[in-house]
Amino acid sequence: MMKKTVSTWAVLLPLAMVLATRSAGAAGPTPPADTVRLTVLHLNDVYQFQPTARNRGGLSRVATLKQQALKESPHVLTLLAGDTLSPSVESSAEVAGEALKGKQMIDAWNALGLDYATVGNHEFDFGDDVLRARLQQSRFPWLGANVMSVKSGQVFDGLKAWDLRDVGGVKVGIFGVVLPETQTSSKPGKDTRITPFCEAAKRAVDELRAAGAQVVLGLTHLAVAQDRELARCVRVDLIIGGHDHDRVEETVAGTPILKLDEDAIDLGRVTLDLDAKTGAVKKLAWKVIPITAKTPDDAAFDGQMKPYAPLLATLAERVGRSPVALDARSAQSRLGETNLGSFLADAFREATGADVALVNGGAIRADRVLPAGTMTRRELYSLMPYRNELVVLEVTGATLRAALENGVSLSSVDGKPPGRFPQVSGLRFTYDLSKAPGSRVTKVDVKGKPMDDAAKYRLATLSFVAQGNDGYAMLKDVPVLPASQELPSPWDALSKAFSTGRPAPRAKPQGRITVIGAPQGGLRAPQSMK
């Protein structure tokens, strides 16, 4: 997630071309005989096929709009710019004792009739084997020019670097790339390497041109700054991207860059009028269509998704209640203490009997404030959609201090809030932003007493953290303490807390984390962040 970027296009195209953004009409007048009109429908970062809690989005509604587009033009491509297998409520759920792990999203995209997808960083959250299975289940090509197998030297099995399609006699090429940070932020296997995206894009475009491509589209899952870099390093006609969860419309080095927010709350529609002989872009128009309850569902899509009706009913079940509103905004969970972060850590500490608990802020994903009242299974999963185990480690005070140092090492006044930021229970700590990373934590108290670096403490945390992810390498080789009885899953621990009221969430943060050197009003970040 990055700060919202919305800029006015200032496109310098040949005089014969006209750029129109957000045109009011659907497709405009019928193009002349020497012109081929290509309609591109695009989405990115879609984690559920159902509408959101605010009744926006829903792939059944998107299917309706796609059918309308096909009635207006025979040449329609529907694209996904990455991130759909994870993290989501449905991907966390089990059907017949087996976790879905994104299967429901592949079924939804197949029902919609997706044409192409590029892999996003979250496509690797369940590992390479699950990703391969999802690629095999897909009735559309997945692109990933910079996702390579070390052993074979070829593109990851099941992906294509690029593809070429004939559109009314014009050869349209498309390639895909994913951000390099995927190597460490997700769980690609040991044989998988995410290579530099510019080099991979250059290679893909050269091969496309050699294969006869007249128009080249880049389908990317990159941060917007990386999309700009891509536009400067390789010449393409259009970049359609994802990852930022914000609407972006820019032109860099003559290349338009378009992105949308997440969960299909809007549908992007690009109309490209192409010269029938040369493929040159004569006109490009972009329209953003809000997906609301005003758009009817598509009966054919709904029919294909009927097998998931029991799952949706299960997700609507009540698990308990919260007496206060819970701040599950992703950015806030990565900036400082939140009442939800403290509640999660409290619930995990109580469920395990540990001395202290630490939860990485990036594990909290609902990205909204949940109102007080009934908590459903869907809301429970939405808080922490990743499949994790609850573990207890015996650590020294020095190791615990190192973990806290890592948690605040990437915090800054104006930077991207880090997913490693620690939400804690059983301790209080102070850190100083003016100090260098690694020496920021100035005070730690455990159960009201100064922490002893030589003492040993039982630390409850998530398996993701215990395995050394998010920079918590100091915990990677710490043995997991054997439990006298099987520990509950994080979801079961939270479900029990919601149903019994013990521990109870507090209305406000409790002052467990103090920051020195923050600007007046505290650290700030974008409202939406996943």
Protein backbone atom coordinates (compact mmCIF):
# COMPACT_ATOMS: atom_id res chain seq x y z
CA MET A 1 0.00 0.00 0.00
CA MET A 2 1.24 3.42 -0.83
CA LYS A 3 0.04 6.98 -0.47
CA LYS A 4 -2.78 7.85 -2.81
CA THR A 5 -1.54 9.15 -6.12
CA VAL A 6 -3.95 10.98 -8.38
CA SER A 7 -2.52 13.25 -11.01
CA THR A 8 -3.85 14.91 -14.11
CA TRP A 9 -2.62 13.30 -17.29
CA ALA A 10 -0.37 15.43 -19.43
CA VAL A 11 0.29 13.05 -22.28
CA LEU A 12 2.55 14.07 -25.13
CA LEU A 13 1.39 11.90 -28.01
CA PRO A 14 1.67 12.47 -31.75
CA LEU A 15 -0.81 15.01 -33.02
CA ALA A 16 -2.84 12.26 -34.63
CA MET A 17 -3.64 10.80 -31.23
CA VAL A 18 -6.12 12.10 -28.72
CA LEU A 19 -6.20 11.10 -25.08
CA ALA A 20 -9.52 11.31 -23.22
CA THR A 21 -9.76 10.37 -19.54
CA ARG A 22 -12.92 9.44 -17.72
CA SER A 23 -15.09 9.92 -20.76
CA ALA A 24 -18.76 10.08 -19.94
CA GLY A 25 -19.82 7.67 -22.68
CA ALA A 26 -19.27 3.94 -22.51
CA ALA A 27 -17.33 3.51 -25.72
CA GLY A 28 -18.04 6.51 -27.90
CA PRO A 29 -19.16 6.53 -31.54
CA THR A 30 -18.48 3.51 -33.72
CA PRO A 31 -14.86 3.71 -34.90
CA PRO A 32 -14.11 4.16 -38.63
CA ALA A 33 -13.32 1.17 -40.85
CA ASP A 34 -9.55 1.69 -40.55
CA THR A 35 -9.73 1.46 -36.75
CA VAL A 36 -9.92 -1.52 -34.36
CA ARG A 37 -11.44 -0.76 -30.99
CA LEU A 38 -10.09 -2.72 -28.02
CA THR A 39 -11.88 -2.50 -24.66
CA VAL A 40 -9.83 -3.41 -21.60
CA LEU A 41 -11.63 -4.04 -18.32
CA HIS A 42 -9.25 -4.14 -15.36
CA LEU A 43 -9.19 -4.82 -11.63
CA ASN A 44 -6.49 -5.37 -9.03
CA ASP A 45 -6.12 -6.62 -5.46
CA VAL A 46 -9.45 -8.46 -5.30
CA TYR A 47 -9.61 -10.66 -2.20
CA GLN A 48 -13.28 -11.68 -2.21
CA PHE A 49 -15.92 -12.42 -4.82
CA GLN A 50 -18.70 -11.12 -2.58
CA PRO A 51 -19.42 -7.39 -2.09
CA THR A 52 -17.54 -5.68 0.70
CA ALA A 53 -18.98 -4.83 4.12
CA ARG A 54 -20.01 -1.48 2.63
CA ASN A 55 -21.84 -3.26 -0.24
CA ARG A 56 -19.34 -2.17 -2.88
CA GLY A 57 -17.76 -4.49 -5.42
CA GLY A 58 -18.79 -8.07 -6.06
CA LEU A 59 -17.58 -10.07 -9.07
CA SER A 60 -21.16 -10.99 -9.99
CA ARG A 61 -21.79 -7.30 -10.66
CA VAL A 62 -18.53 -7.09 -12.59
CA ALA A 63 -19.74 -9.99 -14.73
CA THR A 64 -22.83 -7.96 -15.60
CA LEU A 65 -20.70 -5.03 -16.73
CA LYS A 66 -18.50 -7.33 -18.76
CA GLN A 67 -21.52 -8.70 -20.61
CA GLN A 68 -22.60 -5.14 -21.36
CA ALA A 69 -19.14 -4.34 -22.74
CA LEU A 70 -19.24 -7.40 -24.99
CA LYS A 71 -22.53 -6.20 -26.47
CA GLU A 72 -20.87 -2.89 -27.39
CA SER A 73 -17.60 -4.29 -28.74
CA PRO A 74 -16.44 -7.74 -29.88
CA HIS A 75 -12.91 -7.07 -28.66
CA VAL A 76 -12.85 -7.09 -24.84
CA LEU A 77 -10.00 -8.15 -22.57
CA THR A 78 -10.57 -8.53 -18.83
CA LEU A 79 -7.40 -8.23 -16.75
CA LEU A 80 -6.38 -8.73 -13.11
CA ALA A 81 -3.25 -6.89 -11.98
CA GLY A 82 -2.37 -9.30 -9.16
CA ASP A 83 -3.28 -10.26 -5.59
CA THR A 84 -6.33 -12.45 -5.18
CA LEU A 85 -5.41 -15.78 -3.53
CA SER A 86 -4.64 -14.15 -0.20
CA PRO A 87 -5.30 -12.64 2.27
CA SER A 88 -9.04 -13.02 2.52
CA VAL A 89 -11.75 -14.33 4.79
CA GLU A 90 -12.77 -17.07 2.36
CA SER A 91 -9.19 -18.19 1.73
CA SER A 92 -8.81 -18.68 5.49
CA ALA A 93 -11.96 -20.78 5.77
CA GLU A 94 -12.24 -24.55 5.48
CA VAL A 95 -14.62 -26.61 3.36
CA ALA A 96 -14.85 -30.33 4.20
CA GLY A 97 -11.89 -29.91 6.53
CA GLU A 98 -9.63 -28.40 3.87
CA ALA A 99 -8.54 -24.77 3.72
CA LEU A 100 -9.59 -23.08 0.49
CA LYS A 101 -6.32 -21.14 0.07
CA GLY A 102 -7.67 -19.11 -2.83
CA LYS A 103 -9.53 -21.88 -4.67
CA GLN A 104 -12.78 -19.93 -4.42
CA MET A 105 -11.19 -16.96 -6.19
CA ILE A 106 -10.01 -19.10 -9.11
CA ASP A 107 -13.54 -20.46 -9.43
CA ALA A 108 -14.86 -16.90 -9.41
CA TRP A 109 -12.41 -15.67 -12.06
CA ASN A 110 -13.19 -18.70 -14.21
CA ALA A 111 -16.90 -17.92 -13.87
CA LEU A 112 -16.27 -14.28 -14.81
CA GLY A 113 -14.21 -15.25 -17.84
CA LEU A 114 -10.96 -13.50 -16.93
CA ASP A 115 -8.54 -13.23 -19.84
CA TYR A 116 -5.21 -12.60 -18.07
CA ALA A 117 -3.81 -12.18 -14.57
CA THR A 118 -0.37 -11.29 -13.33
CA VAL A 119 0.86 -12.74 -10.06
CA GLY A 120 0.88 -10.43 -7.05
CA ASN A 121 3.01 -10.79 -3.95
CA HIS A 122 0.14 -12.46 -2.06
CA GLU A 123 -0.14 -15.21 -4.66
CA PHE A 124 2.87 -16.78 -2.91
CA ASP A 125 1.43 -16.65 0.63
CA PHE A 126 0.57 -20.35 0.65
CA GLY A 127 3.82 -21.44 -0.99
CA ASP A 128 4.79 -22.62 -4.45
CA ASP A 129 2.83 -25.89 -4.42
CA VAL A 130 -0.49 -24.20 -3.71
CA LEU A 131 0.24 -21.55 -6.33
CA ARG A 132 0.96 -24.23 -8.93
CA ALA A 133 -2.33 -25.94 -8.09
CA ARG A 134 -4.22 -22.66 -8.51
CA LEU A 135 -2.50 -21.99 -11.84
CA GLN A 136 -3.56 -25.41 -13.08
CA GLN A 137 -7.17 -24.75 -12.03
CA SER A 138 -7.25 -21.45 -13.92
CA ARG A 139 -8.90 -21.30 -17.33
CA PHE A 140 -6.86 -18.21 -18.19
CA PRO A 141 -3.10 -17.50 -18.46
CA TRP A 142 -1.12 -16.11 -15.53
CA LEU A 143 1.81 -13.84 -16.37
CA GLY A 144 5.07 -13.34 -14.46
CA ALA A 145 8.09 -12.51 -16.59
CA ASN A 146 10.33 -11.95 -13.55
CA VAL A 147 9.32 -15.05 -11.57
CA MET A 148 12.01 -17.62 -12.32
CA SER A 149 12.99 -21.16 -11.36
CA VAL A 150 16.61 -21.36 -10.22
CA LYS A 151 16.94 -24.99 -11.33
CA SER A 152 15.47 -24.67 -14.80
CA GLY A 153 16.35 -21.07 -15.55
CA GLN A 154 12.85 -20.72 -16.96
CA VAL A 155 9.75 -18.88 -15.86
CA PHE A 156 7.96 -20.42 -12.84
CA ASP A 157 6.06 -23.55 -13.85
CA GLY A 158 2.53 -22.61 -14.88
CA LEU A 159 3.30 -18.95 -15.62
CA LYS A 160 3.98 -17.26 -18.94
CA ALA A 161 6.32 -14.33 -19.38
CA TRP A 162 4.07 -12.90 -22.07
CA ASP A 163 1.28 -13.72 -24.48
CA LEU A 164 0.17 -12.51 -27.88
CA ARG A 165 -3.42 -12.18 -29.04
CA ASP A 166 -5.00 -11.21 -32.35
CA VAL A 167 -7.56 -8.46 -31.83
CA GLY A 168 -9.43 -7.73 -35.04
CA GLY A 169 -6.25 -8.25 -37.07
CA VAL A 170 -4.03 -6.23 -34.71
CA LYS A 171 -1.48 -8.22 -32.70
CA VAL A 172 -1.68 -7.20 -29.06
CA GLY A 173 1.06 -8.35 -26.70
CA ILE A 174 0.85 -8.43 -22.91
CA PHE A 175 3.43 -9.25 -20.23
CA GLY A 176 3.35 -9.32 -16.45
CA VAL A 177 5.80 -8.53 -13.61
CA VAL A 178 5.61 -8.54 -9.80
CA LEU A 179 7.49 -6.44 -7.25
CA PRO A 180 10.87 -7.88 -6.16
CA GLU A 181 10.01 -7.47 -2.45
CA THR A 182 7.81 -10.55 -2.90
CA GLN A 183 10.95 -12.60 -2.31
CA THR A 184 10.97 -11.67 1.38
CA SER A 185 7.46 -10.35 2.07
CA SER A 186 5.69 -13.56 1.04
CA LYS A 187 6.62 -17.25 0.89
CA PRO A 188 8.08 -18.19 -2.50
CA GLY A 189 9.98 -21.48 -2.39
CA LYS A 190 13.74 -21.95 -2.33
CA ASP A 191 13.80 -22.61 -6.07
CA THR A 192 11.84 -19.45 -6.90
CA ARG A 193 13.54 -16.12 -7.57
CA ILE A 194 11.86 -12.79 -8.21
CA THR A 195 14.25 -11.04 -10.57
CA PRO A 196 14.59 -7.32 -11.44
CA PHE A 197 11.40 -6.27 -13.20
CA CYS A 198 12.96 -3.87 -15.74
CA GLU A 199 15.31 -6.52 -17.13
CA ALA A 200 12.49 -9.05 -17.35
CA ALA A 201 10.17 -6.51 -19.00
CA LYS A 202 12.79 -5.56 -21.60
CA ARG A 203 13.29 -9.22 -22.46
CA ALA A 204 9.55 -9.84 -22.68
CA VAL A 205 8.91 -6.79 -24.87
CA ASP A 206 11.78 -7.70 -27.20
CA GLU A 207 10.32 -11.19 -27.60
CA LEU A 208 6.84 -9.79 -28.15
CA ARG A 209 8.05 -7.40 -30.83
CA ALA A 210 9.94 -10.24 -32.50
CA ALA A 211 6.73 -12.27 -32.46
CA GLY A 212 4.93 -9.45 -34.28
CA ALA A 213 3.28 -7.50 -31.46
CA GLN A 214 2.06 -4.11 -32.67
CA VAL A 215 0.67 -2.99 -29.31
CA VAL A 216 2.20 -3.93 -25.95
CA LEU A 217 0.46 -3.76 -22.57
CA GLY A 218 2.23 -4.19 -19.23
CA LEU A 219 0.17 -5.88 -16.51
CA THR A 220 2.04 -5.15 -13.30
CA HIS A 221 1.90 -5.70 -9.58
CA LEU A 222 4.39 -3.04 -8.51
CA ALA A 223 4.50 -0.01 -6.25
CA VAL A 224 3.66 3.11 -8.23
CA ALA A 225 7.28 4.34 -8.07
CA GLN A 226 8.32 1.05 -9.66
CA ASP A 227 5.70 1.45 -12.40
CA ARG A 228 7.24 4.82 -13.17
CA GLU A 229 10.65 3.19 -13.35
CA LEU A 230 9.26 0.54 -15.68
CA ALA A 231 7.79 3.20 -17.97
CA ARG A 232 11.22 4.81 -18.24
CA CYS A 233 13.15 1.60 -18.89
CA VAL A 234 10.96 0.00 -21.56
CA ARG A 235 8.61 1.44 -24.15
CA VAL A 236 5.06 0.09 -23.91
CA ASP A 237 1.69 1.51 -24.88
CA LEU A 238 -0.05 1.16 -21.51
CA ILE A 239 0.70 -0.03 -17.97
CA ILE A 240 -2.17 -1.42 -15.92
CA GLY A 241 -1.08 -2.01 -12.36
CA GLY A 242 -2.06 -2.97 -8.85
CA HIS A 243 -0.63 -3.29 -5.32
CA ASP A 244 -1.15 0.31 -4.13
CA HIS A 245 -4.87 -0.04 -3.37
CA ASP A 246 -5.42 3.50 -4.64
CA ARG A 247 -6.55 5.00 -7.91
CA VAL A 248 -3.60 6.16 -9.99
CA GLU A 249 -3.66 7.90 -13.35
CA GLU A 250 -0.34 9.21 -14.59
CA THR A 251 1.75 9.34 -17.70
CA VAL A 252 5.48 8.76 -17.45
CA ALA A 253 7.81 8.86 -20.46
CA GLY A 254 4.73 8.87 -22.69
CA THR A 255 3.24 5.74 -21.12
CA PRO A 256 -0.11 5.94 -19.30
CA ILE A 257 -0.17 4.19 -15.90
CA LEU A 258 -3.59 3.19 -14.52
CA LYS A 259 -4.51 1.58 -11.20
CA LEU A 260 -7.61 1.12 -9.06
CA ASP A 261 -8.39 0.56 -5.41
CA GLU A 262 -9.00 -2.91 -3.97
CA ASP A 263 -11.82 -5.48 -3.88
CA ALA A 264 -13.48 -4.43 -7.15
CA ILE A 265 -15.20 -1.42 -5.62
CA ASP A 266 -14.54 0.16 -9.03
CA LEU A 267 -14.03 -1.28 -12.50
CA GLY A 268 -11.57 0.32 -14.89
CA ARG A 269 -12.53 0.51 -18.55
CA VAL A 270 -9.93 1.52 -21.12
CA THR A 271 -10.98 2.09 -24.72
CA LEU A 272 -8.11 1.86 -27.22
CA ASP A 273 -8.74 2.84 -30.82
CA LEU A 274 -5.96 1.20 -32.84
CA ASP A 275 -4.87 1.74 -36.42
CA ALA A 276 -6.02 -1.40 -38.21
CA LYS A 277 -2.77 -1.67 -40.21
CA THR A 278 -0.02 -0.47 -37.89
CA GLY A 279 -1.60 -1.00 -34.48
CA ALA A 280 -0.72 2.57 -33.50
CA VAL A 281 -2.84 3.98 -30.67
CA LYS A 282 -5.05 6.65 -32.24
CA LYS A 283 -7.14 7.31 -29.15
CA LEU A 284 -7.15 6.17 -25.53
CA ALA A 285 -9.98 6.79 -23.06
CA TRP A 286 -10.27 5.67 -19.45
CA LYS A 287 -13.46 5.42 -17.44
CA VAL A 288 -13.80 4.37 -13.81
CA ILE A 289 -17.14 2.68 -13.09
CA PRO A 290 -18.26 2.45 -9.43
CA ILE A 291 -19.50 -1.04 -8.51
CA THR A 292 -22.55 -0.55 -6.28
CA ALA A 293 -25.89 -2.19 -5.53
CA LYS A 294 -27.25 -0.35 -8.57
CA THR A 295 -25.41 -2.86 -10.77
CA PRO A 296 -27.43 -6.11 -10.93
CA ASP A 297 -25.88 -9.50 -10.31
CA ASP A 298 -25.17 -11.87 -13.19
CA ALA A 299 -27.28 -15.02 -12.94
CA ALA A 300 -24.79 -17.19 -14.81
CA PHE A 301 -21.96 -16.16 -12.48
CA ASP A 302 -24.09 -16.75 -9.39
CA GLY A 303 -25.05 -20.18 -10.66
CA GLN A 304 -21.43 -21.25 -10.94
CA MET A 305 -20.67 -20.01 -7.41
CA LYS A 306 -23.59 -21.84 -5.72
CA PRO A 307 -21.28 -24.47 -4.16
CA TYR A 308 -19.98 -21.74 -1.85
CA ALA A 309 -23.41 -20.88 -0.39
CA PRO A 310 -22.87 -23.08 2.73
CA LEU A 311 -19.52 -21.40 3.34
CA LEU A 312 -21.06 -17.95 3.17
CA ALA A 313 -23.72 -19.05 5.64
CA THR A 314 -21.03 -20.33 8.03
CA LEU A 315 -19.18 -17.03 7.83
CA ALA A 316 -22.35 -15.23 8.91
CA GLU A 317 -22.53 -17.19 12.17
CA ARG A 318 -22.19 -15.29 15.45
CA VAL A 319 -19.05 -16.01 17.53
CA GLY A 320 -19.53 -13.40 20.26
CA ARG A 321 -19.52 -9.67 20.73
CA SER A 322 -17.26 -6.73 21.39
CA PRO A 323 -18.36 -4.08 23.92
CA VAL A 324 -16.32 -1.43 22.08
CA ALA A 325 -15.45 -0.48 18.53
CA LEU A 326 -12.20 -2.13 17.37
CA ASP A 327 -9.66 -0.16 15.35
CA ALA A 328 -8.58 -2.63 12.65
CA ARG A 329 -7.22 -0.02 10.25
CA SER A 330 -4.08 -1.51 8.75
CA ALA A 331 -2.05 1.68 8.82
CA GLN A 332 -2.84 2.38 12.48
CA SER A 333 -1.79 -1.15 13.43
CA ARG A 334 1.62 -0.42 11.88
CA LEU A 335 2.08 3.02 13.40
CA GLY A 336 1.43 2.54 17.10
CA GLU A 337 -0.63 0.84 19.76
CA THR A 338 -4.30 0.24 18.90
CA ASN A 339 -7.06 -1.11 21.09
CA LEU A 340 -7.43 -4.09 18.74
CA GLY A 341 -3.69 -4.79 18.67
CA SER A 342 -3.57 -4.83 22.46
CA PHE A 343 -6.68 -7.03 22.61
CA LEU A 344 -5.20 -9.56 20.19
CA ALA A 345 -1.96 -9.73 22.15
CA ASP A 346 -3.90 -10.02 25.44
CA ALA A 347 -6.02 -12.87 24.06
CA PHE A 348 -2.96 -14.77 22.85
CA ARG A 349 -1.11 -14.28 26.15
CA GLU A 350 -4.09 -15.51 28.14
CA ALA A 351 -4.70 -18.49 25.85
CA THR A 352 -1.09 -19.66 26.22
CA GLY A 353 -0.25 -18.58 29.77
CA ALA A 354 2.77 -16.70 28.47
CA ASP A 355 4.50 -13.80 30.24
CA VAL A 356 4.36 -11.49 27.24
CA ALA A 357 2.92 -11.50 23.72
CA LEU A 358 3.89 -9.85 20.44
CA VAL A 359 1.80 -9.59 17.26
CA ASN A 360 3.14 -8.03 14.07
CA GLY A 361 0.86 -5.20 12.92
CA GLY A 362 0.89 -6.49 9.35
CA ALA A 363 -1.11 -9.54 10.45
CA ILE A 364 -4.13 -7.30 11.12
CA ARG A 365 -5.95 -6.89 7.81
CA ALA A 366 -9.61 -5.83 8.14
CA ASP A 367 -8.58 -2.22 7.42
CA ARG A 368 -11.63 -0.60 9.00
CA VAL A 369 -13.09 0.22 12.38
CA LEU A 370 -15.41 -2.60 13.43
CA PRO A 371 -18.39 -1.25 15.40
CA ALA A 372 -19.24 -2.51 18.87
CA GLY A 373 -21.72 -5.37 18.96
CA THR A 374 -22.05 -8.80 17.40
CA MET A 375 -18.95 -10.40 15.94
CA THR A 376 -19.47 -12.93 13.14
CA ARG A 377 -17.07 -15.57 11.93
CA ARG A 378 -16.46 -13.44 8.83
CA GLU A 379 -15.37 -10.50 10.99
CA LEU A 380 -13.20 -12.80 13.09
CA TYR A 381 -11.39 -14.06 10.00
CA SER A 382 -11.19 -10.57 8.51
CA LEU A 383 -9.19 -9.37 11.51
CA MET A 384 -6.44 -11.93 10.90
CA PRO A 385 -7.01 -13.75 7.60
CA TYR A 386 -3.60 -15.43 7.44
CA ARG A 387 -3.41 -19.05 8.55
CA ASN A 388 -1.00 -19.00 11.50
CA GLU A 389 -0.31 -21.06 14.57
CA LEU A 390 -0.01 -19.71 18.09
CA VAL A 391 3.36 -20.62 19.61
CA VAL A 392 5.28 -19.92 22.81
CA LEU A 393 9.04 -19.30 22.83
CA GLU A 394 11.35 -18.99 25.82
CA VAL A 395 13.48 -15.91 25.13
CA THR A 396 15.96 -13.88 27.10
CA GLY A 397 15.28 -10.24 27.82
CA ALA A 398 18.04 -9.40 25.36
CA THR A 399 16.28 -11.37 22.60
CA LEU A 400 12.96 -9.76 23.44
CA ARG A 401 14.61 -6.34 23.26
CA ALA A 402 16.07 -7.24 19.86
CA ALA A 403 12.59 -8.25 18.67
CA LEU A 404 11.18 -4.90 19.77
CA GLU A 405 14.08 -3.12 18.06
CA ASN A 406 13.24 -4.93 14.85
CA GLY A 407 9.60 -4.01 15.24
CA VAL A 408 10.32 -0.28 15.25
CA SER A 409 13.38 -0.35 12.98
CA LEU A 410 11.46 0.79 9.88
CA SER A 411 9.20 3.29 11.63
CA SER A 412 9.62 6.88 10.46
CA VAL A 413 7.91 10.24 10.36
CA ASP A 414 7.06 10.10 6.66
CA GLY A 415 7.75 6.54 5.50
CA LYS A 416 5.50 3.60 4.77
CA PRO A 417 4.23 2.10 8.06
CA PRO A 418 5.97 -1.27 8.51
CA GLY A 419 4.13 -4.55 8.88
CA ARG A 420 6.68 -5.66 11.49
CA PHE A 421 5.50 -3.04 14.01
CA PRO A 422 4.80 -4.84 17.32
CA GLN A 423 1.49 -4.87 19.17
CA VAL A 424 2.24 -6.17 22.68
CA SER A 425 0.83 -7.55 25.92
CA GLY A 426 2.45 -7.97 29.33
CA LEU A 427 5.00 -5.25 28.66
CA ARG A 428 5.42 -1.56 27.95
CA PHE A 429 8.21 0.00 25.95
CA THR A 430 9.48 3.37 24.74
CA TYR A 431 11.33 4.01 21.49
CA ASP A 432 13.01 7.08 20.06
CA LEU A 433 12.61 7.86 16.33
CA SER A 434 15.63 10.17 16.43
CA LYS A 435 17.95 7.25 17.19
CA ALA A 436 19.40 4.86 14.64
CA PRO A 437 17.53 1.62 13.96
CA GLY A 438 18.78 -1.06 16.31
CA SER A 439 19.20 1.35 19.21
CA ARG A 440 15.77 2.98 19.39
CA VAL A 441 14.23 1.10 22.29
CA THR A 442 15.09 3.11 25.40
CA LYS A 443 12.92 1.44 28.05
CA VAL A 444 11.13 -1.88 28.50
CA ASP A 445 9.02 -2.90 31.49
CA VAL A 446 7.63 -6.41 31.92
CA LYS A 447 4.71 -6.72 34.33
CA GLY A 448 5.55 -3.35 35.83
CA LYS A 449 9.27 -3.99 36.39
CA PRO A 450 12.32 -3.08 34.25
CA MET A 451 13.12 -5.95 31.89
CA ASP A 452 16.22 -7.97 32.76
CA ASP A 453 18.24 -8.77 29.63
CA ALA A 454 19.54 -11.95 31.25
CA ALA A 455 16.18 -13.17 32.51
CA LYS A 456 14.00 -15.59 30.56
CA TYR A 457 10.44 -14.84 29.48
CA ARG A 458 7.77 -16.92 27.79
CA LEU A 459 6.75 -15.10 24.60
CA ALA A 460 3.48 -15.86 22.80
CA THR A 461 3.50 -14.94 19.13
CA LEU A 462 2.38 -16.08 15.68
CA SER A 463 4.27 -18.81 13.80
CA PHE A 464 4.96 -16.30 11.02
CA VAL A 465 6.98 -14.17 13.45
CA ALA A 466 8.57 -17.16 15.20
CA GLN A 467 9.88 -18.39 11.85
CA GLY A 468 11.90 -15.18 11.45
CA ASN A 469 9.66 -13.40 8.95
CA ASP A 470 9.24 -9.60 8.89
CA GLY A 471 12.82 -9.23 10.10
CA TYR A 472 12.35 -11.23 13.33
CA ALA A 473 15.45 -13.34 12.59
CA MET A 474 16.41 -13.30 16.28
CA LEU A 475 13.46 -15.65 16.95
CA LYS A 476 14.02 -18.06 14.09
CA ASP A 477 16.23 -20.55 15.94
CA VAL A 478 14.52 -20.24 19.33
CA PRO A 479 12.89 -23.61 20.14
CA VAL A 480 9.12 -23.65 20.55
CA LEU A 481 8.19 -24.60 24.11
CA PRO A 482 6.23 -27.87 24.37
CA ALA A 483 2.68 -27.29 25.58
CA SER A 484 0.99 -29.37 28.28
CA GLN A 485 -2.04 -29.35 26.01
CA GLU A 486 -2.62 -28.37 22.41
CA LEU A 487 -2.66 -24.63 21.97
CA PRO A 488 -5.69 -23.07 20.31
CA SER A 489 -5.40 -21.46 16.92
CA PRO A 490 -5.32 -17.66 16.89
CA TRP A 491 -8.93 -17.71 15.62
CA ASP A 492 -10.05 -20.04 18.41
CA ALA A 493 -8.33 -17.86 21.02
CA LEU A 494 -10.10 -14.77 19.68
CA SER A 495 -13.43 -16.57 19.37
CA LYS A 496 -13.22 -17.59 23.03
CA ALA A 497 -12.37 -14.03 24.06
CA PHE A 498 -15.34 -12.64 22.11
CA SER A 499 -17.73 -15.26 23.49
CA THR A 500 -16.62 -15.07 27.15
CA GLY A 501 -15.59 -11.42 27.38
CA ARG A 502 -12.21 -12.44 28.85
CA PRO A 503 -9.98 -10.68 28.13
CA ALA A 504 -12.15 -7.74 27.16
CA PRO A 505 -10.99 -5.15 24.61
CA ARG A 506 -10.52 -1.63 25.88
CA ALA A 507 -12.08 1.39 24.23
CA LYS A 508 -8.71 3.14 23.83
CA PRO A 509 -5.01 2.23 23.75
CA GLN A 510 -3.49 1.72 27.20
CA GLY A 511 -0.17 3.51 26.75
CA ARG A 512 1.85 0.34 26.26
CA ILE A 513 3.94 1.92 23.50
CA THR A 514 5.48 5.38 23.83
CA VAL A 515 7.23 7.07 20.91
CA ILE A 516 9.71 9.91 21.24
CA GLY A 517 10.46 12.19 18.31
CA ALA A 518 7.08 11.96 16.59
CA PRO A 519 5.52 15.16 15.21
CA GLN A 520 2.70 16.83 17.09
CA GLY A 521 -0.43 14.79 16.58
CA GLY A 522 1.56 11.57 16.17
CA LEU A 523 2.59 9.53 13.15
CA ARG A 524 0.21 9.55 10.20
CA ALA A 525 -0.42 7.26 7.26
CA PRO A 526 -2.91 6.68 4.43
CA GLN A 527 -6.40 5.69 5.58
CA SER A 528 -6.36 2.45 3.61
CA MET A 529 -3.52 0.01 3.63
CA LYS A 530 -3.20 -3.73 2.94
